[in-house]
C-alpha cells in the first residue's frame, strides 16, 4: 500500500537555520549541507533581501556594487534630466 503525501507533509527534510543572540545582534547557524551547496565561507558577504515570502540571501557581487555606486553619483548629478527622461 502506498502512502499519500498531504500538502503539510514533506517527503524530504527541509534544512532549518537556527538564530541566536550574539551581543546586540542575531547570528544564524546554517547546516553544513546548505553552506557547502551555496558556497558560503567564513569571510563571505551576502545581502539579505526582504521579499513577500520571507528573507532571500544573495551573494555579494563587488562589480555590481561598484556599478551601483557609479549610478548613484550620476543619478544625483543628473536627477532633473533623468526625471524628464522617465516621463
Protein backbone atom coordinates (compact mmCIF):
# COMPACT_ATOMS: atom_id res chain seq x y z
CA UNK A 1 0.00 0.00 0.00
CA UNK A 2 1.47 3.40 -0.96
CA UNK A 3 1.32 6.41 1.31
CA UNK A 4 -0.22 9.63 0.00
CA UNK A 5 1.61 12.83 0.95
CA UNK A 6 -0.60 15.67 2.09
CA UNK A 7 0.35 19.33 1.43
CA UNK A 8 1.54 19.73 5.04
CA UNK A 9 3.87 16.74 4.84
CA UNK A 10 7.25 16.71 3.16
CA UNK A 11 8.97 13.74 1.57
CA UNK A 12 12.43 15.25 2.20
CA UNK A 13 13.71 17.01 5.28
CA UNK A 14 13.94 20.77 4.79
CA UNK A 15 17.10 22.25 6.32
CA UNK A 16 16.49 24.77 9.08
CA UNK A 17 18.52 27.75 10.28
CA UNK A 18 19.00 28.46 13.98
CA UNK A 19 19.14 32.07 15.19
CA UNK A 20 20.99 33.08 18.37
CA UNK A 21 21.67 36.34 20.14
CA UNK A 22 25.30 37.47 19.77
CA UNK A 23 25.85 40.68 21.73
CA UNK A 24 23.37 43.21 20.34
CA UNK A 25 22.93 41.24 17.11
CA UNK A 26 21.42 37.97 15.97
CA UNK A 27 23.57 35.28 14.38
CA UNK A 28 22.41 32.43 12.17
CA UNK A 29 23.73 28.88 12.12
CA UNK A 30 23.29 27.07 8.81
CA UNK A 31 23.53 23.30 8.32
CA UNK A 32 26.78 22.15 6.68
CA UNK A 33 24.99 20.83 3.57
CA UNK A 34 23.41 24.26 2.98
CA UNK A 35 26.74 26.05 3.47
CA UNK A 36 28.54 23.69 1.11
CA UNK A 37 25.83 23.83 -1.58
CA UNK A 38 25.70 27.64 -1.52
CA UNK A 39 29.47 28.11 -1.40
CA UNK A 40 29.31 30.10 1.83
CA UNK A 41 32.66 30.67 3.53
CA UNK A 42 33.54 32.18 6.88
CA UNK A 43 34.51 35.55 5.38
CA UNK A 44 31.92 35.71 2.55
CA UNK A 45 29.46 38.59 2.39
CA UNK A 46 25.81 38.17 1.47
CA UNK A 47 22.92 40.59 1.02
CA UNK A 48 19.67 39.95 2.86
CA UNK A 49 16.64 40.90 0.75
CA UNK A 50 13.15 41.04 2.25
CA UNK A 51 10.52 39.53 -0.04
CA UNK A 52 6.81 38.85 0.35
CA UNK A 53 7.72 35.24 1.17
CA UNK A 54 10.45 35.99 3.73
CA UNK A 55 14.18 36.60 3.50
CA UNK A 56 16.37 35.90 0.48
CA UNK A 57 20.17 35.65 0.72
CA UNK A 58 22.10 36.87 -2.33
CA UNK A 59 25.86 36.60 -2.65
CA UNK A 60 27.66 39.95 -2.60
CA UNK A 61 28.86 40.99 -6.06
CA UNK A 62 31.61 43.63 -5.86
CA UNK A 63 31.37 44.53 -9.56
CA UNK A 64 27.63 45.13 -9.22
CA UNK A 65 28.16 47.28 -6.12
CA UNK A 66 30.76 49.41 -7.94
CA UNK A 67 28.34 49.87 -10.83
CA UNK A 68 25.54 50.88 -8.46
CA UNK A 69 27.83 53.37 -6.69
CA UNK A 70 28.66 54.96 -10.06
CA UNK A 71 24.95 55.06 -10.92
CA UNK A 72 24.13 56.83 -7.64
CA UNK A 73 26.68 59.55 -8.43
CA UNK A 74 25.30 60.06 -11.94
CA UNK A 75 21.68 59.87 -10.76
CA UNK A 76 22.30 62.60 -8.20
CA UNK A 77 24.20 64.77 -10.66
CA UNK A 78 21.58 64.41 -13.43
CA UNK A 79 18.40 63.88 -11.39
CA UNK A 80 16.42 66.52 -13.33
CA UNK A 81 17.44 65.03 -16.67
CA UNK A 82 16.57 61.52 -15.53
CA UNK A 83 13.20 62.72 -14.21
CA UNK A 84 12.42 64.25 -17.63
CA UNK A 85 13.53 61.12 -19.47
CA UNK A 86 11.28 58.97 -17.26
CA UNK A 87 8.14 60.79 -18.43
